[in-house]
Structure formats: C-alpha cells, structure tokens
All heavy atoms as atom14 arrays in JSON, in Angstrom:
{
  "sequence": "MLRQYSQQLRLKQIDFYNFQPPRPFYEKAAIIC",
  "atom14_mask": [
    [1, 1, 1, 1, 1, 1, 1, 1, 0, 0, 0, 0, 0, 0],
    [1, 1, 1, 1, 1, 1, 1, 1, 0, 0, 0, 0, 0, 0],
    [1, 1, 1, 1, 1, 1, 1, 1, 1, 1, 1, 0, 0, 0],
    [1, 1, 1, 1, 1, 1, 1, 1, 1, 0, 0, 0, 0, 0],
    [1, 1, 1, 1, 1, 1, 1, 1, 1, 1, 1, 1, 0, 0],
    [1, 1, 1, 1, 1, 1, 0, 0, 0, 0, 0, 0, 0, 0],
    [1, 1, 1, 1, 1, 1, 1, 1, 1, 0, 0, 0, 0, 0],
    [1, 1, 1, 1, 1, 1, 1, 1, 1, 0, 0, 0, 0, 0],
    [1, 1, 1, 1, 1, 1, 1, 1, 0, 0, 0, 0, 0, 0],
    [1, 1, 1, 1, 1, 1, 1, 1, 1, 1, 1, 0, 0, 0],
    [1, 1, 1, 1, 1, 1, 1, 1, 0, 0, 0, 0, 0, 0],
    [1, 1, 1, 1, 1, 1, 1, 1, 1, 0, 0, 0, 0, 0],
    [1, 1, 1, 1, 1, 1, 1, 1, 1, 0, 0, 0, 0, 0],
    [1, 1, 1, 1, 1, 1, 1, 1, 0, 0, 0, 0, 0, 0],
    [1, 1, 1, 1, 1, 1, 1, 1, 0, 0, 0, 0, 0, 0],
    [1, 1, 1, 1, 1, 1, 1, 1, 1, 1, 1, 0, 0, 0],
    [1, 1, 1, 1, 1, 1, 1, 1, 1, 1, 1, 1, 0, 0],
    [1, 1, 1, 1, 1, 1, 1, 1, 0, 0, 0, 0, 0, 0],
    [1, 1, 1, 1, 1, 1, 1, 1, 1, 1, 1, 0, 0, 0],
    [1, 1, 1, 1, 1, 1, 1, 1, 1, 0, 0, 0, 0, 0],
    [1, 1, 1, 1, 1, 1, 1, 0, 0, 0, 0, 0, 0, 0],
    [1, 1, 1, 1, 1, 1, 1, 0, 0, 0, 0, 0, 0, 0],
    [1, 1, 1, 1, 1, 1, 1, 1, 1, 1, 1, 0, 0, 0],
    [1, 1, 1, 1, 1, 1, 1, 0, 0, 0, 0, 0, 0, 0],
    [1, 1, 1, 1, 1, 1, 1, 1, 1, 1, 1, 0, 0, 0],
    [1, 1, 1, 1, 1, 1, 1, 1, 1, 1, 1, 1, 0, 0],
    [1, 1, 1, 1, 1, 1, 1, 1, 1, 0, 0, 0, 0, 0],
    [1, 1, 1, 1, 1, 1, 1, 1, 1, 0, 0, 0, 0, 0],
    [1, 1, 1, 1, 1, 0, 0, 0, 0, 0, 0, 0, 0, 0],
    [1, 1, 1, 1, 1, 0, 0, 0, 0, 0, 0, 0, 0, 0],
    [1, 1, 1, 1, 1, 1, 1, 1, 0, 0, 0, 0, 0, 0],
    [1, 1, 1, 1, 1, 1, 1, 1, 0, 0, 0, 0, 0, 0],
    [1, 1, 1, 1, 1, 1, 0, 0, 0, 0, 0, 0, 0, 0]
  ],
  "atom14_positions": [
    [[1.01, 13.43, 2.22], [-0.37, 13.84, 2.01], [-1.29, 12.63, 1.86], [-2.38, 12.59, 2.45], [-0.46, 14.74, 0.78], [-1.88, 15.26, 0.47], [-2.89, 14.12, -0.53], [-2.07, 14.28, -2.13], [0.0, 0.0, 0.0], [0.0, 0.0, 0.0], [0.0, 0.0, 0.0], [0.0, 0.0, 0.0], [0.0, 0.0, 0.0], [0.0, 0.0, 0.0]],
    [[-0.86, 11.63, 1.09], [-1.68, 10.45, 0.87], [-1.79, 9.59, 2.14], [-2.85, 9.0, 2.4], [-1.12, 9.63, -0.29], [-1.31, 10.28, -1.67], [-0.43, 9.6, -2.71], [-2.77, 10.22, -2.1], [0.0, 0.0, 0.0], [0.0, 0.0, 0.0], [0.0, 0.0, 0.0], [0.0, 0.0, 0.0], [0.0, 0.0, 0.0], [0.0, 0.0, 0.0]],
    [[-0.74, 9.55, 2.93], [-0.82, 8.83, 4.2], [-1.82, 9.51, 5.14], [-2.61, 8.85, 5.81], [0.57, 8.76, 4.85], [1.54, 7.83, 4.13], [2.9, 7.82, 4.82], [3.83, 6.88, 4.19], [4.61, 7.17, 3.17], [4.59, 8.4, 2.64], [5.42, 6.26, 2.65], [0.0, 0.0, 0.0], [0.0, 0.0, 0.0], [0.0, 0.0, 0.0]],
    [[-1.78, 10.84, 5.17], [-2.73, 11.59, 5.99], [-4.16, 11.4, 5.48], [-5.1, 11.26, 6.27], [-2.36, 13.07, 5.99], [-1.07, 13.38, 6.73], [-0.61, 14.83, 6.55], [-1.32, 15.64, 5.96], [0.56, 15.14, 7.07], [0.0, 0.0, 0.0], [0.0, 0.0, 0.0], [0.0, 0.0, 0.0], [0.0, 0.0, 0.0], [0.0, 0.0, 0.0]],
    [[-4.31, 11.38, 4.16], [-5.63, 11.19, 3.57], [-6.17, 9.8, 3.93], [-7.37, 9.65, 4.21], [-5.54, 11.35, 2.05], [-6.87, 11.31, 1.34], [-7.91, 12.15, 1.71], [-7.08, 10.44, 0.28], [-9.14, 12.11, 1.06], [-8.29, 10.39, -0.38], [-9.31, 11.23, 0.01], [-10.53, 11.19, -0.64], [0.0, 0.0, 0.0], [0.0, 0.0, 0.0]],
    [[-5.3, 8.81, 3.94], [-5.69, 7.47, 4.34], [-6.21, 7.45, 5.77], [-7.21, 6.79, 6.09], [-4.51, 6.51, 4.2], [-4.8, 5.24, 4.73], [0.0, 0.0, 0.0], [0.0, 0.0, 0.0], [0.0, 0.0, 0.0], [0.0, 0.0, 0.0], [0.0, 0.0, 0.0], [0.0, 0.0, 0.0], [0.0, 0.0, 0.0], [0.0, 0.0, 0.0]],
    [[-5.56, 8.21, 6.64], [-5.99, 8.31, 8.03], [-7.32, 9.04, 8.15], [-8.19, 8.66, 8.95], [-4.92, 9.02, 8.86], [-3.63, 8.21, 9.0], [-2.51, 9.0, 9.67], [-2.67, 10.17, 10.0], [-1.38, 8.35, 9.89], [0.0, 0.0, 0.0], [0.0, 0.0, 0.0], [0.0, 0.0, 0.0], [0.0, 0.0, 0.0], [0.0, 0.0, 0.0]],
    [[-7.49, 10.09, 7.34], [-8.76, 10.83, 7.34], [-9.92, 9.93, 6.92], [-11.03, 10.02, 7.46], [-8.68, 12.03, 6.4], [-7.76, 13.14, 6.86], [-7.59, 14.22, 5.8], [-8.35, 14.28, 4.83], [-6.6, 15.08, 5.99], [0.0, 0.0, 0.0], [0.0, 0.0, 0.0], [0.0, 0.0, 0.0], [0.0, 0.0, 0.0], [0.0, 0.0, 0.0]],
    [[-9.66, 9.05, 5.96], [-10.69, 8.12, 5.51], [-10.87, 6.94, 6.46], [-11.76, 6.12, 6.27], [-10.33, 7.59, 4.11], [-10.28, 8.6, 2.97], [-9.85, 7.92, 1.67], [-11.63, 9.28, 2.77], [0.0, 0.0, 0.0], [0.0, 0.0, 0.0], [0.0, 0.0, 0.0], [0.0, 0.0, 0.0], [0.0, 0.0, 0.0], [0.0, 0.0, 0.0]],
    [[-9.99, 6.87, 7.49], [-10.02, 5.79, 8.48], [-9.9, 4.42, 7.83], [-10.62, 3.48, 8.15], [-11.29, 5.89, 9.34], [-11.36, 7.19, 10.13], [-12.59, 7.25, 10.98], [-12.65, 8.5, 11.76], [-13.64, 8.82, 12.58], [-14.67, 7.99, 12.74], [-13.61, 9.96, 13.24], [0.0, 0.0, 0.0], [0.0, 0.0, 0.0], [0.0, 0.0, 0.0]],
    [[-8.97, 4.34, 6.91], [-8.79, 3.09, 6.17], [-8.11, 2.03, 7.04], [-7.21, 2.33, 7.83], [-7.95, 3.33, 4.92], [-8.56, 4.24, 3.85], [-7.64, 4.32, 2.65], [-9.93, 3.74, 3.43], [0.0, 0.0, 0.0], [0.0, 0.0, 0.0], [0.0, 0.0, 0.0], [0.0, 0.0, 0.0], [0.0, 0.0, 0.0], [0.0, 0.0, 0.0]],
    [[-8.55, 0.81, 6.86], [-7.94, -0.34, 7.51], [-7.5, -1.31, 6.41], [-7.8, -1.13, 5.24], [-8.92, -1.0, 8.47], [-9.31, -0.09, 9.64], [-10.28, -0.79, 10.57], [-10.66, 0.13, 11.74], [-11.62, -0.54, 12.67], [0.0, 0.0, 0.0], [0.0, 0.0, 0.0], [0.0, 0.0, 0.0], [0.0, 0.0, 0.0], [0.0, 0.0, 0.0]],
    [[-6.76, -2.34, 6.81], [-6.26, -3.33, 5.86], [-5.41, -2.66, 4.77], [-5.5, -2.99, 3.6], [-7.41, -4.1, 5.2], [-8.39, -4.76, 6.17], [-9.82, -4.68, 5.64], [-10.69, -4.06, 6.25], [-10.06, -5.29, 4.5], [0.0, 0.0, 0.0], [0.0, 0.0, 0.0], [0.0, 0.0, 0.0], [0.0, 0.0, 0.0], [0.0, 0.0, 0.0]],
    [[-4.59, -1.71, 5.18], [-3.75, -0.97, 4.22], [-2.41, -0.66, 4.86], [-2.33, -0.39, 6.07], [-4.44, 0.33, 3.75], [-3.59, 1.05, 2.69], [-4.72, 1.26, 4.93], [-4.27, 2.23, 2.05], [0.0, 0.0, 0.0], [0.0, 0.0, 0.0], [0.0, 0.0, 0.0], [0.0, 0.0, 0.0], [0.0, 0.0, 0.0], [0.0, 0.0, 0.0]],
    [[-1.35, -0.72, 4.05], [-0.01, -0.33, 4.51], [0.69, 0.44, 3.4], [0.51, 0.15, 2.21], [0.83, -1.56, 4.87], [0.44, -2.14, 6.22], [0.54, -1.41, 7.22], [0.02, -3.31, 6.26], [0.0, 0.0, 0.0], [0.0, 0.0, 0.0], [0.0, 0.0, 0.0], [0.0, 0.0, 0.0], [0.0, 0.0, 0.0], [0.0, 0.0, 0.0]],
    [[1.49, 1.43, 3.81], [2.31, 2.21, 2.89], [3.76, 1.76, 3.04], [4.27, 1.62, 4.16], [2.21, 3.7, 3.19], [0.94, 4.34, 2.71], [-0.24, 4.21, 3.43], [0.92, 5.1, 1.54], [-1.41, 4.8, 3.0], [-0.24, 5.69, 1.09], [-1.42, 5.55, 1.83], [0.0, 0.0, 0.0], [0.0, 0.0, 0.0], [0.0, 0.0, 0.0]],
    [[4.43, 1.58, 1.92], [5.84, 1.21, 1.91], [6.62, 2.23, 1.08], [6.11, 2.75, 0.09], [6.05, -0.19, 1.31], [5.35, -1.29, 2.07], [4.03, -1.62, 1.79], [6.01, -1.99, 3.08], [3.38, -2.64, 2.48], [5.36, -3.01, 3.78], [4.05, -3.32, 3.47], [3.4, -4.32, 4.16], [0.0, 0.0, 0.0], [0.0, 0.0, 0.0]],
    [[7.85, 2.5, 1.47], [8.69, 3.41, 0.7], [9.24, 2.7, -0.53], [8.94, 1.54, -0.79], [9.82, 3.96, 1.56], [9.3, 4.85, 2.68], [8.33, 5.57, 2.5], [9.95, 4.79, 3.84], [0.0, 0.0, 0.0], [0.0, 0.0, 0.0], [0.0, 0.0, 0.0], [0.0, 0.0, 0.0], [0.0, 0.0, 0.0], [0.0, 0.0, 0.0]],
    [[10.1, 3.4, -1.29], [10.74, 2.78, -2.44], [11.51, 1.53, -2.01], [12.32, 1.58, -1.08], [11.73, 3.74, -3.1], [11.08, 4.83, -3.91], [11.28, 6.16, -3.59], [10.29, 4.52, -5.0], [10.7, 7.17, -4.34], [9.69, 5.51, -5.75], [9.9, 6.84, -5.42], [0.0, 0.0, 0.0], [0.0, 0.0, 0.0], [0.0, 0.0, 0.0]],
    [[11.23, 0.43, -2.66], [11.96, -0.81, -2.4], [11.69, -1.78, -3.55], [10.76, -1.58, -4.34], [11.53, -1.42, -1.07], [10.05, -1.65, -0.92], [9.72, -2.07, 0.5], [10.01, -3.2, 0.89], [9.16, -1.17, 1.27], [0.0, 0.0, 0.0], [0.0, 0.0, 0.0], [0.0, 0.0, 0.0], [0.0, 0.0, 0.0], [0.0, 0.0, 0.0]],
    [[12.5, -2.81, -3.68], [12.28, -3.76, -4.77], [10.85, -4.32, -4.72], [10.44, -4.86, -3.69], [13.33, -4.84, -4.51], [14.41, -4.14, -3.75], [13.7, -3.13, -2.89], [0.0, 0.0, 0.0], [0.0, 0.0, 0.0], [0.0, 0.0, 0.0], [0.0, 0.0, 0.0], [0.0, 0.0, 0.0], [0.0, 0.0, 0.0], [0.0, 0.0, 0.0]],
    [[10.1, -4.2, -5.8], [8.69, -4.61, -5.76], [8.44, -6.1, -5.95], [7.31, -6.56, -5.77], [8.07, -3.81, -6.91], [9.17, -3.63, -7.89], [10.43, -3.53, -7.07], [0.0, 0.0, 0.0], [0.0, 0.0, 0.0], [0.0, 0.0, 0.0], [0.0, 0.0, 0.0], [0.0, 0.0, 0.0], [0.0, 0.0, 0.0], [0.0, 0.0, 0.0]],
    [[9.48, -6.84, -6.32], [9.26, -8.26, -6.65], [8.5, -9.04, -5.57], [7.56, -9.79, -5.89], [10.58, -8.95, -6.97], [10.41, -10.42, -7.29], [11.66, -11.04, -7.86], [11.44, -12.46, -8.21], [12.15, -13.12, -9.09], [13.16, -12.52, -9.71], [11.88, -14.39, -9.35], [0.0, 0.0, 0.0], [0.0, 0.0, 0.0], [0.0, 0.0, 0.0]],
    [[8.85, -8.92, -4.28], [8.1, -9.67, -3.26], [6.61, -9.35, -3.25], [5.78, -10.22, -2.96], [8.76, -9.25, -1.94], [10.13, -8.8, -2.34], [9.97, -8.18, -3.68], [0.0, 0.0, 0.0], [0.0, 0.0, 0.0], [0.0, 0.0, 0.0], [0.0, 0.0, 0.0], [0.0, 0.0, 0.0], [0.0, 0.0, 0.0], [0.0, 0.0, 0.0]],
    [[6.26, -8.11, -3.6], [4.86, -7.71, -3.65], [4.17, -8.3, -4.88], [3.02, -8.74, -4.81], [4.75, -6.19, -3.65], [5.27, -5.55, -2.4], [6.58, -5.12, -2.31], [4.45, -5.39, -1.29], [7.07, -4.53, -1.15], [4.92, -4.8, -0.12], [6.24, -4.37, -0.06], [0.0, 0.0, 0.0], [0.0, 0.0, 0.0], [0.0, 0.0, 0.0]],
    [[4.89, -8.31, -6.02], [4.34, -8.93, -7.23], [4.07, -10.41, -6.99], [3.06, -10.96, -7.47], [5.31, -8.8, -8.41], [5.57, -7.4, -8.91], [6.81, -7.05, -9.44], [4.57, -6.43, -8.89], [7.06, -5.78, -9.93], [4.81, -5.15, -9.37], [6.06, -4.83, -9.89], [6.3, -3.57, -10.37], [0.0, 0.0, 0.0], [0.0, 0.0, 0.0]],
    [[4.98, -11.06, -6.28], [4.86, -12.5, -6.09], [3.63, -12.89, -5.28], [2.98, -13.91, -5.57], [6.13, -13.04, -5.41], [7.35, -13.01, -6.33], [8.62, -13.47, -5.63], [8.68, -13.4, -4.38], [9.55, -13.9, -6.33], [0.0, 0.0, 0.0], [0.0, 0.0, 0.0], [0.0, 0.0, 0.0], [0.0, 0.0, 0.0], [0.0, 0.0, 0.0]],
    [[3.29, -12.1, -4.27], [2.17, -12.5, -3.41], [0.83, -11.86, -3.79], [-0.23, -12.38, -3.43], [2.5, -12.18, -1.95], [2.55, -10.71, -1.61], [2.85, -10.51, -0.12], [2.86, -9.03, 0.26], [3.11, -8.84, 1.71], [0.0, 0.0, 0.0], [0.0, 0.0, 0.0], [0.0, 0.0, 0.0], [0.0, 0.0, 0.0], [0.0, 0.0, 0.0]],
    [[0.86, -10.75, -4.54], [-0.39, -10.04, -4.85], [-1.19, -10.76, -5.93], [-0.64, -11.29, -6.89], [-0.09, -8.62, -5.29], [0.0, 0.0, 0.0], [0.0, 0.0, 0.0], [0.0, 0.0, 0.0], [0.0, 0.0, 0.0], [0.0, 0.0, 0.0], [0.0, 0.0, 0.0], [0.0, 0.0, 0.0], [0.0, 0.0, 0.0], [0.0, 0.0, 0.0]],
    [[-2.51, -10.73, -5.77], [-3.41, -11.29, -6.78], [-3.82, -10.25, -7.81], [-4.09, -10.58, -8.97], [-4.65, -11.87, -6.11], [0.0, 0.0, 0.0], [0.0, 0.0, 0.0], [0.0, 0.0, 0.0], [0.0, 0.0, 0.0], [0.0, 0.0, 0.0], [0.0, 0.0, 0.0], [0.0, 0.0, 0.0], [0.0, 0.0, 0.0], [0.0, 0.0, 0.0]],
    [[-3.86, -8.97, -7.38], [-4.36, -7.89, -8.23], [-3.44, -6.68, -8.1], [-2.97, -6.37, -7.0], [-5.79, -7.48, -7.81], [-6.75, -8.68, -7.88], [-6.32, -6.33, -8.66], [-8.09, -8.44, -7.2], [0.0, 0.0, 0.0], [0.0, 0.0, 0.0], [0.0, 0.0, 0.0], [0.0, 0.0, 0.0], [0.0, 0.0, 0.0], [0.0, 0.0, 0.0]],
    [[-3.19, -6.0, -9.21], [-2.47, -4.73, -9.18], [-3.39, -3.64, -9.74], [-4.01, -3.82, -10.79], [-1.14, -4.78, -9.96], [-0.42, -3.42, -9.85], [-1.33, -5.21, -11.41], [1.03, -3.45, -10.3], [0.0, 0.0, 0.0], [0.0, 0.0, 0.0], [0.0, 0.0, 0.0], [0.0, 0.0, 0.0], [0.0, 0.0, 0.0], [0.0, 0.0, 0.0]],
    [[-3.47, -2.52, -9.03], [-4.35, -1.43, -9.42], [-3.56, -0.21, -9.89], [-2.53, 0.13, -9.31], [-5.24, -1.02, -8.24], [-6.53, -2.21, -7.84], [0.0, 0.0, 0.0], [0.0, 0.0, 0.0], [0.0, 0.0, 0.0], [0.0, 0.0, 0.0], [0.0, 0.0, 0.0], [0.0, 0.0, 0.0], [0.0, 0.0, 0.0], [0.0, 0.0, 0.0]]
  ]
}
C-alpha cells in the first residue's frame, strides 16, 4: 500500500527496501525520521 501511495504521489529520490540489516543505512544516513 505504501509503495503504491509513493507512486500516486509521484515521489522521486526514494527507494523501498525489505527487511535487512540496517547498519549500512545507519552508517551513510545523515538523518533518521
């Protein structure tokens, strides 16, 4: 539903990832929301 909603909003600069170890994302991200 959220992936479809993202498409409805025509969002760019966004990616969805499934369950996976989050450490690589923590390491490179500047902000967590």
